[in-house]
């Protein structure tokens, strides 16, 4: 009888540890995955003058000009840390072919289970890091890596009006690792 109890306890413990390892993936706290996408030059160049924060219409419509099309910086912001130490810059860039991308430059954050990149309508605050899924957001896909430079294509039909920040979002635990307020830039 005693042996059966010890066996049952061992099986429950092993299953608990296996589930915990799957759910939390703790080894990701000590691993890094570096990505080095080629960023548009405007994503890393000094930003021109900044537009008032309430104006984000420039992020939605294509502009026309007589000169050859060039990449245009639409908005930029610096990451602040939330659940995990996070730093780097985020820029929305309209490419010469008209599509928009989110460029993450010099990103440094933690890895984690089910981490995504979202454009969101939520403000960036030090304590509001659980609220990014409370409003409207555009999911740009899984985080490619926790270090380096990364590009994420913004869907062509995505309406960016009112989307004022980017978050590195852990979907499994509903927390932001870090976020950046996207301030529109006057081209």
C-alpha atoms as a PDB file:
ATOM      1  CA  UNK A   1       0.000   0.000   0.000  1.00  0.00           C
ATOM      2  CA  UNK A   2       2.822   2.361   0.896  1.00  0.00           C
ATOM      3  CA  UNK A   3       4.647   1.588  -2.354  1.00  0.00           C
ATOM      4  CA  UNK A   4       1.515   2.408  -4.409  1.00  0.00           C
ATOM      5  CA  UNK A   5       1.210   5.780  -2.637  1.00  0.00           C
ATOM      6  CA  UNK A   6       4.874   6.620  -3.370  1.00  0.00           C
ATOM      7  CA  UNK A   7       4.475   5.575  -6.999  1.00  0.00           C
ATOM      8  CA  UNK A   8       1.345   7.711  -7.386  1.00  0.00           C
ATOM      9  CA  UNK A   9       3.090  10.680  -5.759  1.00  0.00           C
ATOM     10  CA  UNK A  10       6.100  10.239  -8.073  1.00  0.00           C
ATOM     11  CA  UNK A  11       3.873  10.090 -11.173  1.00  0.00           C
ATOM     12  CA  UNK A  12       1.957  13.215 -10.105  1.00  0.00           C
ATOM     13  CA  UNK A  13       5.234  15.042  -9.395  1.00  0.00           C
ATOM     14  CA  UNK A  14       6.718  14.074 -12.771  1.00  0.00           C
ATOM     15  CA  UNK A  15       3.558  15.148 -14.600  1.00  0.00           C
ATOM     16  CA  UNK A  16       3.520  18.437 -12.672  1.00  0.00           C
ATOM     17  CA  UNK A  17       7.151  19.172 -13.529  1.00  0.00           C
ATOM     18  CA  UNK A  18       6.567  18.257 -17.200  1.00  0.00           C
ATOM     19  CA  UNK A  19       3.513  20.520 -17.406  1.00  0.00           C
ATOM     20  CA  UNK A  20       5.370  23.359 -15.650  1.00  0.00           C
ATOM     21  CA  UNK A  21       8.299  23.028 -18.039  1.00  0.00           C
ATOM     22  CA  UNK A  22       5.967  23.108 -21.050  1.00  0.00           C
ATOM     23  CA  UNK A  23       3.895  26.036 -19.755  1.00  0.00           C
ATOM     24  CA  UNK A  24       6.654  28.285 -18.387  1.00  0.00           C
ATOM     25  CA  UNK A  25       9.602  27.221 -20.589  1.00  0.00           C
ATOM     26  CA  UNK A  26      12.055  28.542 -17.971  1.00  0.00           C
ATOM     27  CA  UNK A  27      15.147  27.790 -20.073  1.00  0.00           C
ATOM     28  CA  UNK A  28      14.168  30.755 -22.269  1.00  0.00           C
ATOM     29  CA  UNK A  29      15.250  33.076 -19.458  1.00  0.00           C
ATOM     30  CA  UNK A  30      18.854  32.029 -20.144  1.00  0.00           C
ATOM     31  CA  UNK A  31      18.831  31.677 -23.938  1.00  0.00           C
ATOM     32  CA  UNK A  32      19.071  34.301 -26.672  1.00  0.00           C
ATOM     33  CA  UNK A  33      17.992  34.300 -30.292  1.00  0.00           C
ATOM     34  CA  UNK A  34      19.627  37.060 -32.373  1.00  0.00           C
ATOM     35  CA  UNK A  35      18.017  38.330 -35.589  1.00  0.00           C
ATOM     36  CA  UNK A  36      19.705  40.750 -37.985  1.00  0.00           C
ATOM     37  CA  UNK A  37      17.174  41.841 -40.606  1.00  0.00           C
ATOM     38  CA  UNK A  38      18.297  44.666 -42.902  1.00  0.00           C
ATOM     39  CA  UNK A  39      16.423  47.737 -41.674  1.00  0.00           C
ATOM     40  CA  UNK A  40      15.486  50.686 -43.899  1.00  0.00           C
ATOM     41  CA  UNK A  41      17.967  53.534 -43.358  1.00  0.00           C
ATOM     42  CA  UNK A  42      15.207  55.854 -42.090  1.00  0.00           C
ATOM     43  CA  UNK A  43      14.515  53.418 -39.226  1.00  0.00           C
ATOM     44  CA  UNK A  44      17.945  54.032 -37.712  1.00  0.00           C
ATOM     45  CA  UNK A  45      18.639  57.634 -38.838  1.00  0.00           C
ATOM     46  CA  UNK A  46      17.890  60.542 -36.493  1.00  0.00           C
ATOM     47  CA  UNK A  47      14.186  61.369 -36.639  1.00  0.00           C
ATOM     48  CA  UNK A  48      13.042  64.646 -38.201  1.00  0.00           C
ATOM     49  CA  UNK A  49      10.687  66.946 -36.292  1.00  0.00           C
ATOM     50  CA  UNK A  50       7.856  65.287 -34.419  1.00  0.00           C
ATOM     51  CA  UNK A  51       4.163  65.853 -35.141  1.00  0.00           C
ATOM     52  CA  UNK A  52       1.593  66.306 -32.367  1.00  0.00           C
ATOM     53  CA  UNK A  53       0.724  62.892 -30.808  1.00  0.00           C
ATOM     54  CA  UNK A  54      -2.995  63.178 -31.689  1.00  0.00           C
ATOM     55  CA  UNK A  55      -2.233  63.070 -35.413  1.00  0.00           C
ATOM     56  CA  UNK A  56      -1.722  59.557 -36.687  1.00  0.00           C
ATOM     57  CA  UNK A  57      -3.502  59.837 -40.028  1.00  0.00           C
ATOM     58  CA  UNK A  58      -0.144  60.038 -41.828  1.00  0.00           C
ATOM     59  CA  UNK A  59       0.470  56.390 -40.970  1.00  0.00           C
ATOM     60  CA  UNK A  60      -2.461  55.223 -43.096  1.00  0.00           C
ATOM     61  CA  UNK A  61      -2.432  56.820 -46.506  1.00  0.00           C
ATOM     62  CA  UNK A  62       0.152  56.657 -49.258  1.00  0.00           C
ATOM     63  CA  UNK A  63       1.643  59.937 -50.415  1.00  0.00           C
ATOM     64  CA  UNK A  64       2.638  60.755 -53.949  1.00  0.00           C
ATOM     65  CA  UNK A  65       5.608  62.753 -55.141  1.00  0.00           C
ATOM     66  CA  UNK A  66       7.394  63.487 -58.373  1.00  0.00           C
ATOM     67  CA  UNK A  67      10.719  62.143 -57.080  1.00  0.00           C
ATOM     68  CA  UNK A  68      11.648  58.486 -57.008  1.00  0.00           C
ATOM     69  CA  UNK A  69       9.869  56.740 -54.133  1.00  0.00           C
ATOM     70  CA  UNK A  70      11.868  56.420 -50.944  1.00  0.00           C
ATOM     71  CA  UNK A  71      11.252  54.846 -47.569  1.00  0.00           C
ATOM     72  CA  UNK A  72       9.467  57.286 -45.257  1.00  0.00           C
ATOM     73  CA  UNK A  73       9.578  57.261 -41.460  1.00  0.00           C
ATOM     74  CA  UNK A  74       5.981  57.590 -40.205  1.00  0.00           C
ATOM     75  CA  UNK A  75       6.384  57.096 -36.438  1.00  0.00           C
ATOM     76  CA  UNK A  76       9.028  56.147 -33.888  1.00  0.00           C
ATOM     77  CA  UNK A  77       9.395  55.386 -30.196  1.00  0.00           C
ATOM     78  CA  UNK A  78      11.754  53.885 -27.629  1.00  0.00           C
ATOM     79  CA  UNK A  79      10.934  50.798 -25.605  1.00  0.00           C
ATOM     80  CA  UNK A  80      10.322  50.887 -21.875  1.00  0.00           C
ATOM     81  CA  UNK A  81      10.532  47.774 -19.736  1.00  0.00           C
ATOM     82  CA  UNK A  82       7.502  46.030 -18.316  1.00  0.00           C
ATOM     83  CA  UNK A  83       7.583  42.374 -17.220  1.00  0.00           C
ATOM     84  CA  UNK A  84      11.153  41.910 -18.557  1.00  0.00           C
ATOM     85  CA  UNK A  85      13.966  44.394 -19.197  1.00  0.00           C
ATOM     86  CA  UNK A  86      13.431  45.656 -22.745  1.00  0.00           C
ATOM     87  CA  UNK A  87      15.216  48.305 -24.797  1.00  0.00           C
ATOM     88  CA  UNK A  88      15.499  49.392 -28.427  1.00  0.00           C
ATOM     89  CA  UNK A  89      13.505  51.510 -30.838  1.00  0.00           C
ATOM     90  CA  UNK A  90      10.408  50.835 -32.911  1.00  0.00           C
ATOM     91  CA  UNK A  91       9.661  52.629 -36.183  1.00  0.00           C
ATOM     92  CA  UNK A  92       6.821  52.453 -38.653  1.00  0.00           C
ATOM     93  CA  UNK A  93       8.208  52.899 -42.163  1.00  0.00           C
ATOM     94  CA  UNK A  94       6.385  53.173 -45.474  1.00  0.00           C
ATOM     95  CA  UNK A  95       8.540  51.362 -48.030  1.00  0.00           C
ATOM     96  CA  UNK A  96       9.073  52.680 -51.577  1.00  0.00           C
ATOM     97  CA  UNK A  97       6.577  50.095 -52.896  1.00  0.00           C
ATOM     98  CA  UNK A  98       3.897  51.501 -50.541  1.00  0.00           C
ATOM     99  CA  UNK A  99       3.649  48.733 -47.964  1.00  0.00           C
ATOM    100  CA  UNK A 100       4.356  49.504 -44.332  1.00  0.00           C
ATOM    101  CA  UNK A 101       6.696  47.719 -41.939  1.00  0.00           C
ATOM    102  CA  UNK A 102       7.472  47.855 -38.257  1.00  0.00           C
ATOM    103  CA  UNK A 103      11.238  48.041 -37.754  1.00  0.00           C
ATOM    104  CA  UNK A 104      12.665  47.071 -34.369  1.00  0.00           C
ATOM    105  CA  UNK A 105      16.223  48.380 -34.018  1.00  0.00           C
ATOM    106  CA  UNK A 106      18.687  47.163 -31.397  1.00  0.00           C
ATOM    107  CA  UNK A 107      15.980  45.199 -29.599  1.00  0.00           C
ATOM    108  CA  UNK A 108      17.043  43.583 -26.359  1.00  0.00           C
ATOM    109  CA  UNK A 109      14.433  41.673 -24.341  1.00  0.00           C
ATOM    110  CA  UNK A 110      13.854  38.197 -22.922  1.00  0.00           C
ATOM    111  CA  UNK A 111      12.650  35.143 -24.742  1.00  0.00           C
ATOM    112  CA  UNK A 112       9.449  33.571 -23.574  1.00  0.00           C
ATOM    113  CA  UNK A 113       6.655  31.256 -24.575  1.00  0.00           C
ATOM    114  CA  UNK A 114       4.243  32.560 -27.256  1.00  0.00           C
ATOM    115  CA  UNK A 115       5.712  36.076 -27.543  1.00  0.00           C
ATOM    116  CA  UNK A 116       4.135  38.282 -30.208  1.00  0.00           C
ATOM    117  CA  UNK A 117       4.571  41.751 -31.670  1.00  0.00           C
ATOM    118  CA  UNK A 118       1.446  43.911 -31.558  1.00  0.00           C
ATOM    119  CA  UNK A 119       0.555  47.399 -32.683  1.00  0.00           C
ATOM    120  CA  UNK A 120      -2.018  48.631 -30.155  1.00  0.00           C
ATOM    121  CA  UNK A 121      -4.218  51.556 -29.208  1.00  0.00           C
ATOM    122  CA  UNK A 122      -3.176  51.403 -25.544  1.00  0.00           C
ATOM    123  CA  UNK A 123      -0.951  54.081 -23.990  1.00  0.00           C
ATOM    124  CA  UNK A 124       2.462  53.058 -22.713  1.00  0.00           C
ATOM    125  CA  UNK A 125       2.694  53.393 -18.945  1.00  0.00           C
ATOM    126  CA  UNK A 126       4.994  51.835 -16.384  1.00  0.00           C
ATOM    127  CA  UNK A 127       2.134  50.087 -14.586  1.00  0.00           C
ATOM    128  CA  UNK A 128      -0.361  49.400 -17.407  1.00  0.00           C
ATOM    129  CA  UNK A 129       1.473  46.440 -18.851  1.00  0.00           C
ATOM    130  CA  UNK A 130      -1.456  44.026 -18.456  1.00  0.00           C
ATOM    131  CA  UNK A 131      -3.834  46.211 -20.493  1.00  0.00           C
ATOM    132  CA  UNK A 132      -2.533  45.910 -24.054  1.00  0.00           C
ATOM    133  CA  UNK A 133      -5.059  43.215 -24.942  1.00  0.00           C
ATOM    134  CA  UNK A 134      -7.949  45.301 -23.571  1.00  0.00           C
ATOM    135  CA  UNK A 135      -8.203  47.488 -26.662  1.00  0.00           C
ATOM    136  CA  UNK A 136      -7.694  47.219 -30.394  1.00  0.00           C
ATOM    137  CA  UNK A 137      -4.485  45.701 -31.712  1.00  0.00           C
ATOM    138  CA  UNK A 138      -2.906  44.341 -34.887  1.00  0.00           C
ATOM    139  CA  UNK A 139      -0.953  41.109 -34.391  1.00  0.00           C
ATOM    140  CA  UNK A 140       2.199  41.211 -36.531  1.00  0.00           C
ATOM    141  CA  UNK A 141       3.178  37.658 -35.638  1.00  0.00           C
ATOM    142  CA  UNK A 142       5.586  35.917 -33.336  1.00  0.00           C
ATOM    143  CA  UNK A 143       8.717  37.654 -32.095  1.00  0.00           C
ATOM    144  CA  UNK A 144      11.529  36.514 -34.412  1.00  0.00           C
ATOM    145  CA  UNK A 145      14.183  36.773 -31.719  1.00  0.00           C
ATOM    146  CA  UNK A 146      14.858  38.591 -28.503  1.00  0.00           C
ATOM    147  CA  UNK A 147      17.986  40.418 -29.733  1.00  0.00           C
ATOM    148  CA  UNK A 148      18.877  42.459 -32.796  1.00  0.00           C
ATOM    149  CA  UNK A 149      17.135  44.165 -35.710  1.00  0.00           C
ATOM    150  CA  UNK A 150      13.801  42.894 -37.011  1.00  0.00           C
ATOM    151  CA  UNK A 151      11.223  43.785 -39.673  1.00  0.00           C
ATOM    152  CA  UNK A 152       7.531  42.929 -39.489  1.00  0.00           C
ATOM    153  CA  UNK A 153       5.247  43.624 -42.433  1.00  0.00           C
ATOM    154  CA  UNK A 154       2.071  45.450 -41.485  1.00  0.00           C
ATOM    155  CA  UNK A 155      -0.949  43.983 -43.308  1.00  0.00           C
ATOM    156  CA  UNK A 156      -1.931  46.188 -46.260  1.00  0.00           C
ATOM    157  CA  UNK A 157      -5.494  46.651 -45.043  1.00  0.00           C
ATOM    158  CA  UNK A 158      -4.557  47.454 -41.441  1.00  0.00           C
ATOM    159  CA  UNK A 159      -5.992  50.759 -40.260  1.00  0.00           C
ATOM    160  CA  UNK A 160      -3.326  52.350 -38.084  1.00  0.00           C
ATOM    161  CA  UNK A 161      -5.533  55.238 -36.991  1.00  0.00           C
ATOM    162  CA  UNK A 162      -5.447  55.330 -33.213  1.00  0.00           C
ATOM    163  CA  UNK A 163      -2.779  52.624 -32.889  1.00  0.00           C
ATOM    164  CA  UNK A 164      -0.223  54.483 -30.824  1.00  0.00           C
ATOM    165  CA  UNK A 165       2.143  51.905 -29.420  1.00  0.00           C
ATOM    166  CA  UNK A 166       3.917  48.626 -30.050  1.00  0.00           C
ATOM    167  CA  UNK A 167       4.222  45.908 -27.435  1.00  0.00           C
ATOM    168  CA  UNK A 168       6.258  42.748 -27.134  1.00  0.00           C
ATOM    169  CA  UNK A 169       3.355  40.686 -25.803  1.00  0.00           C
ATOM    170  CA  UNK A 170       3.529  37.326 -24.039  1.00  0.00           C
ATOM    171  CA  UNK A 171       0.244  35.771 -25.123  1.00  0.00           C
ATOM    172  CA  UNK A 172       0.583  32.837 -22.749  1.00  0.00           C
ATOM    173  CA  UNK A 173       0.703  35.003 -19.594  1.00  0.00           C
ATOM    174  CA  UNK A 174      -1.081  38.128 -20.920  1.00  0.00           C
ATOM    175  CA  UNK A 175       1.751  40.529 -20.081  1.00  0.00           C
ATOM    176  CA  UNK A 176       3.869  43.006 -21.981  1.00  0.00           C
ATOM    177  CA  UNK A 177       7.614  42.403 -21.857  1.00  0.00           C
ATOM    178  CA  UNK A 178       8.106  46.011 -23.026  1.00  0.00           C
ATOM    179  CA  UNK A 179       6.388  48.643 -25.134  1.00  0.00           C
ATOM    180  CA  UNK A 180       7.136  51.780 -27.142  1.00  0.00           C
ATOM    181  CA  UNK A 181       4.893  54.790 -27.700  1.00  0.00           C
ATOM    182  CA  UNK A 182       4.801  55.469 -31.458  1.00  0.00           C
ATOM    183  CA  UNK A 183       5.056  59.214 -32.034  1.00  0.00           C
ATOM    184  CA  UNK A 184       4.124  60.347 -35.575  1.00  0.00           C
ATOM    185  CA  UNK A 185       6.931  62.035 -37.497  1.00  0.00           C
ATOM    186  CA  UNK A 186       6.590  64.873 -39.987  1.00  0.00           C
ATOM    187  CA  UNK A 187       8.371  63.810 -43.187  1.00  0.00           C
END
